[in-house]
Every structure is written in structure tokens, then in C-alpha cells.
Amino acid sequence: MPDPDGAAPRPGRPREASVDQRLQAAVLELLREGGPGAVTMDRVAATSGVAKTTVYRRHPNRGELLTAVLSAAIGLPDVPDEGDVRDKIRYALEQAWHQMGVVLGPGGLAAIVGDSDPEFTGLFRAALQPYVDNLVRRIQEDVDAGLLRKGLDAEGVVSLLVGAYLGELVRQGEVAPEWMDRALELLWVLMAPG
């Protein structure tokens, strides 16, 4: 029986959301631990407990599977309307750092830094771009409003803030929660108006 908008019903059983959730959890686990090279269709099926035929039915290849999982895990940035300039920048920065530390984890981040899987690097950069754009836009709007130093290079500041995460990870092996505030405080001297 056709649905109310006139489209023909799709054959087969409806998709189970729990299967997609299991696939996403398996891909992220493999990615965090072993990088994108560990994410194979066979290993995703074994880790998730989902039949390989079901994995292929939902995602015809590894690239589409990684794209779907990264898009779902990363989502879209949220822009707060309330708070002072530093709070808004910190909020946007926290979202970007979350993608590197939590979504990618050590394995995925190592692959990005080493560009060991260029296809994956491109997928992740594309998924992260809205967060980077959000942070650049947030800083540029505050520069234009006179809330940050006139002529401040918003793109350069974002590169320094992202680099602060990577630098601390290389130096310490992990990024402590308070490092974000320390990094922002160090750069605030350059960013503050007047």
C-alpha cells in the first residue's frame, strides 16, 4: 500500500537503528585503537556482531562506511548566543578539540598527523571543517565588533589553537582538561582588544 505522499513502499524490512548504532560504535572503536587501517568491513562486522552482508547492504564500501560514521559522530557545530567573547571562543574550541580527542582518538589522530591514509584524512578534514569554520567565524565576528584586537588573523589563531592540542599531545602523551584554558589564556594576550 502506498504511503500518504504517494511514494511506493520500499521492499524489505525497515532498518533497525540499533544496527547502525552498533556499526558506528565498532568503527569508532577500531579507529580510536588502530587508526583507519584497522577499519575493514570484516573487522567492523566481527566487532559489531552485524552480519557482513548487512554491513555491505548499508554501506557498499569502506569509504562510505567511514563517511557515514564520521558524519554522524561529528555532527554539526553549535553556536552559543550567550556568554562573553572568551566563553564563546572556548565553547567553539572545545567542540573542535572534542572531534580530535574523542571521535578520532589516538589511532585516528596518528593517521591524520602522519597522513597514512589520505582518503581518511580527507574525510575527516571535510567533517571537521564546519567546526573550524565556526571558530574562525566566531573570532572574526568579534574582531569586526571590536571585541578582539583589530586586524587579528582569525585563521592563524585557529591554527594555533588546534596546534596547541596536537603539541600538548605530542609533549605529554595526553591532553589534560585544563590545557584548553591554559592555551586560551596564553593566546588571549595576543587576542584581547587594546
Protein backbone atom coordinates (compact mmCIF):
# COMPACT_ATOMS: atom_id res chain seq x y z
CA MET A 1 0.00 0.00 0.00
CA PRO A 2 1.46 3.41 -0.96
CA ASP A 3 2.21 5.91 1.77
CA PRO A 4 0.24 9.20 2.09
CA ASP A 5 2.59 11.24 -0.10
CA GLY A 6 2.14 8.76 -2.94
CA ALA A 7 5.59 7.13 -2.89
CA ALA A 8 5.73 3.38 -3.32
CA PRO A 9 6.77 1.48 -0.20
CA ARG A 10 10.35 0.17 -0.11
CA PRO A 11 10.68 -3.59 -0.24
CA GLY A 12 12.25 -5.47 2.63
CA ARG A 13 12.32 -4.95 6.34
CA PRO A 14 12.70 -1.48 7.86
CA ARG A 15 16.17 -0.55 9.09
CA GLU A 16 16.94 -1.13 12.72
CA ALA A 17 18.53 1.90 14.38
CA SER A 18 20.38 -0.41 16.77
CA VAL A 19 22.30 -1.94 13.85
CA ASP A 20 23.50 1.50 12.73
CA GLN A 21 24.49 2.28 16.33
CA ARG A 22 26.46 -0.97 16.61
CA LEU A 23 28.22 -0.30 13.33
CA GLN A 24 29.11 3.25 14.40
CA ALA A 25 30.41 2.05 17.78
CA ALA A 26 32.52 -0.65 16.10
CA VAL A 27 34.03 1.73 13.53
CA LEU A 28 34.89 4.32 16.20
CA GLU A 29 36.41 1.68 18.48
CA LEU A 30 38.59 0.30 15.67
CA LEU A 31 39.53 3.81 14.54
CA ARG A 32 40.50 5.03 18.01
CA GLU A 33 42.61 1.99 18.74
CA GLY A 34 44.21 1.18 15.41
CA GLY A 35 43.59 4.09 13.06
CA PRO A 36 41.70 3.91 9.78
CA GLY A 37 43.72 0.90 8.59
CA ALA A 38 42.03 -1.16 11.30
CA VAL A 39 38.61 -0.28 9.88
CA THR A 40 37.90 -3.06 7.40
CA MET A 41 34.49 -4.39 6.51
CA ASP A 42 35.44 -7.79 8.01
CA ARG A 43 36.62 -6.28 11.31
CA VAL A 44 33.61 -3.98 11.55
CA ALA A 45 31.30 -6.97 11.09
CA ALA A 46 33.20 -9.02 13.68
CA THR A 47 33.42 -6.18 16.23
CA SER A 48 29.80 -5.09 15.85
CA GLY A 49 28.29 -8.57 15.64
CA VAL A 50 26.46 -7.48 12.49
CA ALA A 51 26.49 -9.85 9.52
CA LYS A 52 28.92 -8.77 6.80
CA THR A 53 26.09 -8.88 4.24
CA THR A 54 24.16 -6.36 6.35
CA VAL A 55 27.21 -4.10 6.60
CA TYR A 56 27.60 -4.17 2.80
CA ARG A 57 23.87 -3.64 2.28
CA ARG A 58 24.01 -0.44 4.31
CA HIS A 59 27.45 0.73 3.17
CA PRO A 60 28.72 -0.66 -0.15
CA ASN A 61 32.36 0.14 0.66
CA ARG A 62 34.71 1.23 3.43
CA GLY A 63 34.79 4.86 2.28
CA GLU A 64 31.02 5.21 2.51
CA LEU A 65 31.01 3.50 5.89
CA LEU A 66 33.69 5.85 7.25
CA THR A 67 31.90 8.88 5.77
CA ALA A 68 28.59 7.87 7.37
CA VAL A 69 30.17 7.19 10.76
CA LEU A 70 32.28 10.35 10.83
CA SER A 71 29.32 12.49 9.75
CA ALA A 72 27.13 11.01 12.48
CA ALA A 73 29.83 11.17 15.18
CA ILE A 74 30.96 14.69 14.37
CA GLY A 75 27.56 16.21 13.61
CA LEU A 76 27.22 19.97 13.19
CA PRO A 77 28.69 22.70 15.38
CA ASP A 78 26.52 24.53 17.86
CA VAL A 79 26.99 28.29 18.16
CA PRO A 80 26.10 29.77 21.57
CA ASP A 81 24.38 33.14 21.60
CA GLU A 82 25.10 33.89 25.24
CA GLY A 83 28.37 34.48 27.07
CA ASP A 84 31.33 36.78 26.76
CA VAL A 85 33.86 36.66 23.93
CA ARG A 86 36.19 34.22 25.67
CA ASP A 87 33.35 31.90 26.64
CA LYS A 88 32.12 31.71 23.05
CA ILE A 89 35.60 31.07 21.66
CA ARG A 90 36.23 28.44 24.34
CA TYR A 91 32.93 26.73 23.54
CA ALA A 92 33.72 26.57 19.80
CA LEU A 93 37.28 25.42 20.53
CA GLU A 94 36.04 22.72 22.88
CA GLN A 95 33.87 21.32 20.09
CA ALA A 96 36.81 21.21 17.66
CA TRP A 97 39.14 19.60 20.23
CA HIS A 98 36.43 17.04 21.04
CA GLN A 99 36.50 15.83 17.43
CA MET A 100 40.25 15.23 17.61
CA GLY A 101 40.42 13.70 21.07
CA VAL A 102 37.17 11.78 21.40
CA VAL A 103 35.97 11.00 17.89
CA LEU A 104 39.39 10.22 16.38
CA GLY A 105 41.22 9.04 19.46
CA PRO A 106 44.92 8.15 19.33
CA GLY A 107 44.70 5.83 16.32
CA GLY A 108 42.71 8.20 14.13
CA LEU A 109 44.73 11.23 15.15
CA ALA A 110 48.02 9.47 14.38
CA ALA A 111 46.71 8.65 10.91
CA ILE A 112 45.73 12.30 10.33
CA VAL A 113 49.07 13.68 11.52
CA GLY A 114 51.04 11.12 9.51
CA ASP A 115 48.60 11.24 6.58
CA SER A 116 48.96 7.46 6.43
CA ASP A 117 45.53 7.08 4.82
CA PRO A 118 44.91 10.10 2.54
CA GLU A 119 41.30 9.10 1.85
CA PHE A 120 40.55 9.03 5.57
CA THR A 121 42.43 12.29 6.15
CA GLY A 122 40.27 13.95 3.50
CA LEU A 123 37.08 12.52 5.00
CA PHE A 124 37.98 13.74 8.48
CA ARG A 125 39.07 17.19 7.32
CA ALA A 126 35.78 17.58 5.43
CA ALA A 127 33.80 16.52 8.50
CA LEU A 128 35.82 18.80 10.83
CA GLN A 129 35.67 21.82 8.51
CA PRO A 130 32.34 23.18 9.85
CA TYR A 131 33.87 23.30 13.35
CA VAL A 132 36.97 25.10 12.14
CA ASP A 133 34.83 27.49 10.06
CA ASN A 134 32.63 28.11 13.11
CA LEU A 135 35.64 29.00 15.25
CA VAL A 136 37.13 31.27 12.56
CA ARG A 137 33.75 32.96 12.06
CA ARG A 138 33.28 33.41 15.82
CA ILE A 139 36.69 35.10 16.13
CA GLN A 140 36.24 37.24 13.01
CA GLU A 141 32.82 38.48 14.16
CA ASP A 142 34.34 39.51 17.48
CA VAL A 143 37.22 41.27 15.69
CA ASP A 144 34.71 43.12 13.49
CA ALA A 145 32.67 44.09 16.59
CA GLY A 146 35.79 45.48 18.30
CA LEU A 147 35.72 42.78 20.98
CA LEU A 148 39.09 41.38 19.88
CA ARG A 149 42.25 43.09 18.65
CA LYS A 150 41.79 44.94 15.37
CA GLY A 151 43.41 43.12 12.45
CA LEU A 152 43.67 39.83 14.35
CA ASP A 153 44.25 36.92 11.94
CA ALA A 154 41.30 34.64 12.81
CA GLU A 155 42.58 31.76 10.64
CA GLY A 156 46.03 31.99 12.23
CA VAL A 157 44.58 31.98 15.74
CA VAL A 158 42.54 28.87 14.94
CA SER A 159 45.64 27.10 13.61
CA LEU A 160 47.47 27.99 16.82
CA LEU A 161 44.59 26.72 18.96
CA VAL A 162 44.34 23.43 17.05
CA GLY A 163 48.13 23.15 17.15
CA ALA A 164 48.06 23.68 20.93
CA TYR A 165 46.11 20.44 21.23
CA LEU A 166 48.46 18.50 18.99
CA GLY A 167 51.56 19.98 20.62
CA GLU A 168 50.42 19.04 24.10
CA LEU A 169 49.52 15.54 22.92
CA VAL A 170 53.00 15.07 21.45
CA ARG A 171 54.69 16.57 24.51
CA GLN A 172 52.69 14.82 27.26
CA GLY A 173 51.05 11.84 25.55
CA GLU A 174 47.62 13.17 26.53
CA VAL A 175 45.78 16.46 26.76
CA ALA A 176 44.62 17.32 30.27
CA PRO A 177 41.23 19.02 30.56
CA GLU A 178 42.73 22.25 31.95
CA TRP A 179 45.07 22.61 28.95
CA MET A 180 42.34 24.29 26.89
CA ASP A 181 42.02 27.13 29.39
CA ARG A 182 45.81 27.45 29.65
CA ALA A 183 46.21 27.58 25.86
CA LEU A 184 43.41 30.12 25.52
CA GLU A 185 44.93 32.24 28.32
CA LEU A 186 48.33 32.23 26.60
CA LEU A 187 46.80 33.37 23.31
CA TRP A 188 44.39 35.82 24.93
CA VAL A 189 47.25 38.29 25.38
CA LEU A 190 47.53 38.46 21.59
CA MET A 191 43.77 38.45 21.01
CA ALA A 192 42.48 40.99 23.54
CA PRO A 193 41.50 44.44 22.24
CA GLY A 194 43.67 47.44 23.04
